PDB file of N, CA and C in Angstrom:
ATOM      1  N   UNK A   1       0.768  -1.502   0.031  1.00  0.00           N
ATOM      2  CA  UNK A   1       0.125   0.243   0.390  1.00  0.00           C
ATOM      3  C   UNK A   1       1.320   1.367   0.019  1.00  0.00           C
ATOM      4  N   UNK A   2       0.578   2.050  -0.492  1.00  0.00           N
ATOM      5  CA  UNK A   2       1.008   3.405  -0.866  1.00  0.00           C
ATOM      6  C   UNK A   2       0.749   4.656  -1.643  1.00  0.00           C
ATOM      7  N   UNK A   3       0.518   5.987  -0.996  1.00  0.00           N
ATOM      8  CA  UNK A   3       0.788   6.998  -0.992  1.00  0.00           C
ATOM      9  C   UNK A   3       1.333   7.727  -2.177  1.00  0.00           C
ATOM     10  N   UNK A   4       1.259   8.702  -2.995  1.00  0.00           N
ATOM     11  CA  UNK A   4       0.975   9.627  -4.344  1.00  0.00           C
ATOM     12  C   UNK A   4       0.668  11.052  -3.815  1.00  0.00           C
ATOM     13  N   UNK A   5       1.894  12.253  -4.078  1.00  0.00           N
ATOM     14  CA  UNK A   5       1.322  13.014  -3.973  1.00  0.00           C
ATOM     15  C   UNK A   5       1.919  14.210  -4.081  1.00  0.00           C
ATOM     16  N   UNK A   6       1.190  14.795  -5.283  1.00  0.00           N
ATOM     17  CA  UNK A   6       1.994  16.230  -5.374  1.00  0.00           C
ATOM     18  C   UNK A   6       2.037  17.817  -5.351  1.00  0.00           C
ATOM     19  N   UNK A   7       2.245  18.274  -5.378  1.00  0.00           N
ATOM     20  CA  UNK A   7       2.475  18.997  -4.708  1.00  0.00           C
ATOM     21  C   UNK A   7       2.338  20.679  -6.140  1.00  0.00           C
ATOM     22  N   UNK A   8       1.332  21.363  -5.828  1.00  0.00           N
ATOM     23  CA  UNK A   8       0.356  21.782  -7.089  1.00  0.00           C
ATOM     24  C   UNK A   8       1.618  21.600  -8.457  1.00  0.00           C
ATOM     25  N   UNK A   9       0.248  20.624  -8.267  1.00  0.00           N
ATOM     26  CA  UNK A   9       0.654  19.987  -9.667  1.00  0.00           C
ATOM     27  C   UNK A   9       1.534  18.743 -10.150  1.00  0.00           C
ATOM     28  N   UNK A  10       2.827  19.509  -9.412  1.00  0.00           N
ATOM     29  CA  UNK A  10       3.980  18.902 -10.173  1.00  0.00           C
ATOM     30  C   UNK A  10       4.822  17.737  -8.436  1.00  0.00           C
ATOM     31  N   UNK A  11       6.189  17.575  -8.473  1.00  0.00           N
ATOM     32  CA  UNK A  11       6.759  17.199  -8.219  1.00  0.00           C
ATOM     33  C   UNK A  11       5.955  15.750  -7.189  1.00  0.00           C
ATOM     34  N   UNK A  12       6.219  14.639  -8.362  1.00  0.00           N
ATOM     35  CA  UNK A  12       5.356  13.627  -7.425  1.00  0.00           C
ATOM     36  C   UNK A  12       6.673  12.735  -6.167  1.00  0.00           C
ATOM     37  N   UNK A  13       5.738  12.452  -5.280  1.00  0.00           N
ATOM     38  CA  UNK A  13       5.979  11.937  -4.145  1.00  0.00           C
ATOM     39  C   UNK A  13       5.507  10.393  -3.722  1.00  0.00           C
ATOM     40  N   UNK A  14       6.406   9.390  -3.457  1.00  0.00           N
ATOM     41  CA  UNK A  14       6.045   7.799  -3.866  1.00  0.00           C
ATOM     42  C   UNK A  14       5.968   7.234  -1.878  1.00  0.00           C
ATOM     43  N   UNK A  15       5.017   7.652  -0.892  1.00  0.00           N
ATOM     44  CA  UNK A  15       5.515   7.300   0.082  1.00  0.00           C
ATOM     45  C   UNK A  15       4.711   5.578  -0.221  1.00  0.00           C
ATOM     46  N   UNK A  16       5.536   5.032   0.848  1.00  0.00           N
ATOM     47  CA  UNK A  16       5.071   3.812   1.426  1.00  0.00           C
ATOM     48  C   UNK A  16       3.547   3.892   2.618  1.00  0.00           C
ATOM     49  N   UNK A  17       3.062   2.742   2.835  1.00  0.00           N
ATOM     50  CA  UNK A  17       2.350   3.373   4.081  1.00  0.00           C
ATOM     51  C   UNK A  17       2.796   1.619   4.584  1.00  0.00           C
ATOM     52  N   UNK A  18       2.557   1.940   6.079  1.00  0.00           N
ATOM     53  CA  UNK A  18       2.931   1.077   7.030  1.00  0.00           C
ATOM     54  C   UNK A  18       1.133   0.791   8.164  1.00  0.00           C
ATOM     55  N   UNK A  19       1.284  -0.499   8.206  1.00  0.00           N
ATOM     56  CA  UNK A  19       0.353  -0.347   8.765  1.00  0.00           C
ATOM     57  C   UNK A  19       0.099  -0.512  10.315  1.00  0.00           C
ATOM     58  N   UNK A  20      -0.862  -0.050  11.678  1.00  0.00           N
ATOM     59  CA  UNK A  20      -0.909   0.046  12.070  1.00  0.00           C
ATOM     60  C   UNK A  20      -1.969  -0.614  12.808  1.00  0.00           C
ATOM     61  N   UNK A  21      -0.715  -1.820  14.230  1.00  0.00           N
ATOM     62  CA  UNK A  21      -2.142  -2.606  14.189  1.00  0.00           C
ATOM     63  C   UNK A  21      -2.677  -2.772  15.346  1.00  0.00           C
ATOM     64  N   UNK A  22      -2.558  -1.731  16.097  1.00  0.00           N
ATOM     65  CA  UNK A  22      -3.437  -1.431  16.894  1.00  0.00           C
ATOM     66  C   UNK A  22      -4.621  -0.429  16.608  1.00  0.00           C
ATOM     67  N   UNK A  23      -4.528  -0.321  15.273  1.00  0.00           N
ATOM     68  CA  UNK A  23      -5.976   1.272  15.039  1.00  0.00           C
ATOM     69  C   UNK A  23      -6.541   0.139  14.041  1.00  0.00           C
ATOM     70  N   UNK A  24      -5.452  -1.180  13.287  1.00  0.00           N
ATOM     71  CA  UNK A  24      -5.770  -1.393  11.543  1.00  0.00           C
ATOM     72  C   UNK A  24      -6.222  -0.133  11.131  1.00  0.00           C
ATOM     73  N   UNK A  25      -4.927   0.466  10.895  1.00  0.00           N
ATOM     74  CA  UNK A  25      -5.317   1.413  10.333  1.00  0.00           C
ATOM     75  C   UNK A  25      -3.532   2.172   8.795  1.00  0.00           C
ATOM     76  N   UNK A  26      -4.101   1.790   8.109  1.00  0.00           N
ATOM     77  CA  UNK A  26      -3.174   1.659   7.565  1.00  0.00           C
ATOM     78  C   UNK A  26      -1.735   3.658   7.838  1.00  0.00           C
ATOM     79  N   UNK A  27      -0.926   3.791   7.866  1.00  0.00           N
ATOM     80  CA  UNK A  27      -0.484   5.227   7.680  1.00  0.00           C
ATOM     81  C   UNK A  27       0.153   5.908   7.624  1.00  0.00           C
ATOM     82  N   UNK A  28       0.676   6.983   7.425  1.00  0.00           N
ATOM     83  CA  UNK A  28       1.839   7.704   7.214  1.00  0.00           C
ATOM     84  C   UNK A  28       2.131   9.636   7.149  1.00  0.00           C
ATOM     85  N   UNK A  29       3.780   9.413   7.025  1.00  0.00           N
ATOM     86  CA  UNK A  29       4.274  10.954   6.862  1.00  0.00           C
ATOM     87  C   UNK A  29       4.547  11.378   6.296  1.00  0.00           C
ATOM     88  N   UNK A  30       3.091  12.686   6.187  1.00  0.00           N
ATOM     89  CA  UNK A  30       3.215  13.139   3.945  1.00  0.00           C
ATOM     90  C   UNK A  30       3.751  14.497   5.041  1.00  0.00           C
ATOM     91  N   UNK A  31       5.224  14.530   4.218  1.00  0.00           N
ATOM     92  CA  UNK A  31       5.690  16.158   4.560  1.00  0.00           C
ATOM     93  C   UNK A  31       4.667  17.367   4.694  1.00  0.00           C
ATOM     94  N   UNK A  32       4.937  17.923   4.883  1.00  0.00           N
ATOM     95  CA  UNK A  32       4.176  19.569   4.436  1.00  0.00           C
ATOM     96  C   UNK A  32       4.608  20.367   4.338  1.00  0.00           C
ATOM     97  N   UNK A  33       6.198  20.626   3.185  1.00  0.00           N
ATOM     98  CA  UNK A  33       7.114  21.246   3.005  1.00  0.00           C
ATOM     99  C   UNK A  33       6.540  22.414   2.550  1.00  0.00           C
ATOM    100  N   UNK A  34       6.050  22.450   1.431  1.00  0.00           N
ATOM    101  CA  UNK A  34       5.742  24.196   1.254  1.00  0.00           C
ATOM    102  C   UNK A  34       4.585  24.673   0.514  1.00  0.00           C
ATOM    103  N   UNK A  35       4.394  25.797   0.327  1.00  0.00           N
ATOM    104  CA  UNK A  35       3.099  26.082   0.515  1.00  0.00           C
ATOM    105  C   UNK A  35       2.616  25.511  -1.275  1.00  0.00           C
ATOM    106  N   UNK A  36       1.137  25.364  -0.626  1.00  0.00           N
ATOM    107  CA  UNK A  36       0.146  24.790  -2.211  1.00  0.00           C
ATOM    108  C   UNK A  36      -0.221  24.322  -1.590  1.00  0.00           C
ATOM    109  N   UNK A  37      -1.006  23.472  -3.325  1.00  0.00           N
ATOM    110  CA  UNK A  37      -2.067  21.864  -3.185  1.00  0.00           C
ATOM    111  C   UNK A  37      -0.884  20.866  -2.791  1.00  0.00           C
ATOM    112  N   UNK A  38      -1.898  19.891  -2.193  1.00  0.00           N
ATOM    113  CA  UNK A  38      -1.176  18.471  -2.186  1.00  0.00           C
ATOM    114  C   UNK A  38      -3.074  17.464  -2.352  1.00  0.00           C
ATOM    115  N   UNK A  39      -2.306  16.935  -2.968  1.00  0.00           N
ATOM    116  CA  UNK A  39      -3.120  16.290  -3.970  1.00  0.00           C
ATOM    117  C   UNK A  39      -2.363  14.566  -3.566  1.00  0.00           C
ATOM    118  N   UNK A  40      -3.628  13.675  -2.664  1.00  0.00           N
ATOM    119  CA  UNK A  40      -3.431  12.309  -2.125  1.00  0.00           C
ATOM    120  C   UNK A  40      -3.748  11.157  -3.190  1.00  0.00           C
ATOM    121  N   UNK A  41      -3.449  10.168  -3.556  1.00  0.00           N
ATOM    122  CA  UNK A  41      -3.793   8.639  -4.291  1.00  0.00           C
ATOM    123  C   UNK A  41      -3.628   8.177  -3.156  1.00  0.00           C
ATOM    124  N   UNK A  42      -4.376   7.194  -3.458  1.00  0.00           N
ATOM    125  CA  UNK A  42      -3.234   5.982  -2.346  1.00  0.00           C
ATOM    126  C   UNK A  42      -3.731   5.089  -2.971  1.00  0.00           C
ATOM    127  N   UNK A  43      -3.190   3.684  -3.592  1.00  0.00           N
ATOM    128  CA  UNK A  43      -2.992   2.632  -4.025  1.00  0.00           C
ATOM    129  C   UNK A  43      -3.536   1.520  -2.859  1.00  0.00           C
ATOM    130  N   UNK A  44      -3.714   0.721  -3.082  1.00  0.00           N
ATOM    131  CA  UNK A  44      -3.820  -0.723  -2.376  1.00  0.00           C
ATOM    132  C   UNK A  44      -3.907  -2.461  -3.074  1.00  0.00           C
ATOM    133  N   UNK A  45      -3.362  -3.181  -2.804  1.00  0.00           N
ATOM    134  CA  UNK A  45      -4.250  -4.105  -3.553  1.00  0.00           C
ATOM    135  C   UNK A  45      -3.226  -5.279  -2.441  1.00  0.00           C
ATOM    136  N   UNK A  46      -4.644  -6.456  -2.121  1.00  0.00           N
ATOM    137  CA  UNK A  46      -5.019  -6.999  -2.069  1.00  0.00           C
ATOM    138  C   UNK A  46      -4.560  -8.671  -3.119  1.00  0.00           C
ATOM    139  N   UNK A  47      -2.855  -9.525  -2.554  1.00  0.00           N
ATOM    140  CA  UNK A  47      -2.955 -10.460  -4.447  1.00  0.00           C
ATOM    141  C   UNK A  47      -3.720 -11.235  -3.627  1.00  0.00           C
ATOM    142  N   UNK A  48      -3.667 -12.438  -2.511  1.00  0.00           N
ATOM    143  CA  UNK A  48      -4.466 -13.694  -1.994  1.00  0.00           C
ATOM    144  C   UNK A  48      -5.739 -13.390  -2.532  1.00  0.00           C
ATOM    145  N   UNK A  49      -7.038 -11.920  -2.723  1.00  0.00           N
ATOM    146  CA  UNK A  49      -8.748 -12.288  -3.520  1.00  0.00           C
ATOM    147  C   UNK A  49      -7.890 -11.293  -4.256  1.00  0.00           C
ATOM    148  N   UNK A  50      -6.789 -10.773  -4.940  1.00  0.00           N
ATOM    149  CA  UNK A  50      -7.049  -9.779  -6.266  1.00  0.00           C
ATOM    150  C   UNK A  50      -8.319  -9.141  -6.217  1.00  0.00           C
ATOM    151  N   UNK A  51      -8.517  -8.464  -4.748  1.00  0.00           N
ATOM    152  CA  UNK A  51      -9.139  -6.962  -4.897  1.00  0.00           C
ATOM    153  C   UNK A  51      -7.751  -5.799  -4.449  1.00  0.00           C
ATOM    154  N   UNK A  52      -8.347  -4.266  -5.026  1.00  0.00           N
ATOM    155  CA  UNK A  52      -7.492  -3.066  -5.624  1.00  0.00           C
ATOM    156  C   UNK A  52      -8.687  -2.228  -5.623  1.00  0.00           C
ATOM    157  N   UNK A  53      -8.302  -1.145  -4.743  1.00  0.00           N
ATOM    158  CA  UNK A  53      -9.038   0.270  -4.034  1.00  0.00           C
ATOM    159  C   UNK A  53      -7.668   0.908  -4.356  1.00  0.00           C
ATOM    160  N   UNK A  54      -8.726   2.528  -4.554  1.00  0.00           N
ATOM    161  CA  UNK A  54      -8.245   3.639  -5.295  1.00  0.00           C
ATOM    162  C   UNK A  54      -8.372   4.469  -3.769  1.00  0.00           C
ATOM    163  N   UNK A  55      -8.215   5.828  -3.720  1.00  0.00           N
ATOM    164  CA  UNK A  55      -8.853   6.824  -2.485  1.00  0.00           C
ATOM    165  C   UNK A  55      -7.919   7.941  -3.677  1.00  0.00           C
ATOM    166  N   UNK A  56      -8.899   8.810  -3.056  1.00  0.00           N
ATOM    167  CA  UNK A  56      -7.902  10.725  -3.341  1.00  0.00           C
ATOM    168  C   UNK A  56      -8.482  11.088  -2.906  1.00  0.00           C
ATOM    169  N   UNK A  57      -8.059  12.603  -2.249  1.00  0.00           N
ATOM    170  CA  UNK A  57      -7.775  13.262  -1.101  1.00  0.00           C
ATOM    171  C   UNK A  57      -6.831  15.041  -1.540  1.00  0.00           C
ATOM    172  N   UNK A  58      -7.438  16.160  -1.295  1.00  0.00           N
ATOM    173  CA  UNK A  58      -6.421  17.052  -1.206  1.00  0.00           C
ATOM    174  C   UNK A  58      -6.897  18.396  -0.185  1.00  0.00           C
ATOM    175  N   UNK A  59      -5.973  18.576   0.159  1.00  0.00           N
ATOM    176  CA  UNK A  59      -5.841  20.131   1.256  1.00  0.00           C
ATOM    177  C   UNK A  59      -4.670  21.120   0.942  1.00  0.00           C
ATOM    178  N   UNK A  60      -4.783  21.473   1.784  1.00  0.00           N
ATOM    179  CA  UNK A  60      -4.177  23.014   0.602  1.00  0.00           C
ATOM    180  C   UNK A  60      -3.235  23.800   2.831  1.00  0.00           C
ATOM    181  N   UNK A  61      -1.563  23.776   2.068  1.00  0.00           N
ATOM    182  CA  UNK A  61      -1.391  24.451   3.189  1.00  0.00           C
ATOM    183  C   UNK A  61      -0.016  25.543   3.302  1.00  0.00           C
ATOM    184  N   UNK A  62      -1.009  26.658   4.265  1.00  0.00           N
ATOM    185  CA  UNK A  62      -0.520  27.793   4.006  1.00  0.00           C
ATOM    186  C   UNK A  62       0.088  28.550   5.091  1.00  0.00           C
TER     187      UNK A  62
END
């Protein structure tokens, strides 16, 4: 599972997600090191069941 982050429409970064067994959630730190629009796309695939999913969100850093 990984996240793909763009800042202001460029500078694609690939960030691996780790599973937190205490909360049963995948987590990662997304460095917000520049002002602007951050777009995040999370992609996941479960090999055993061939199940896949994609989620997208965006946020502003001022």
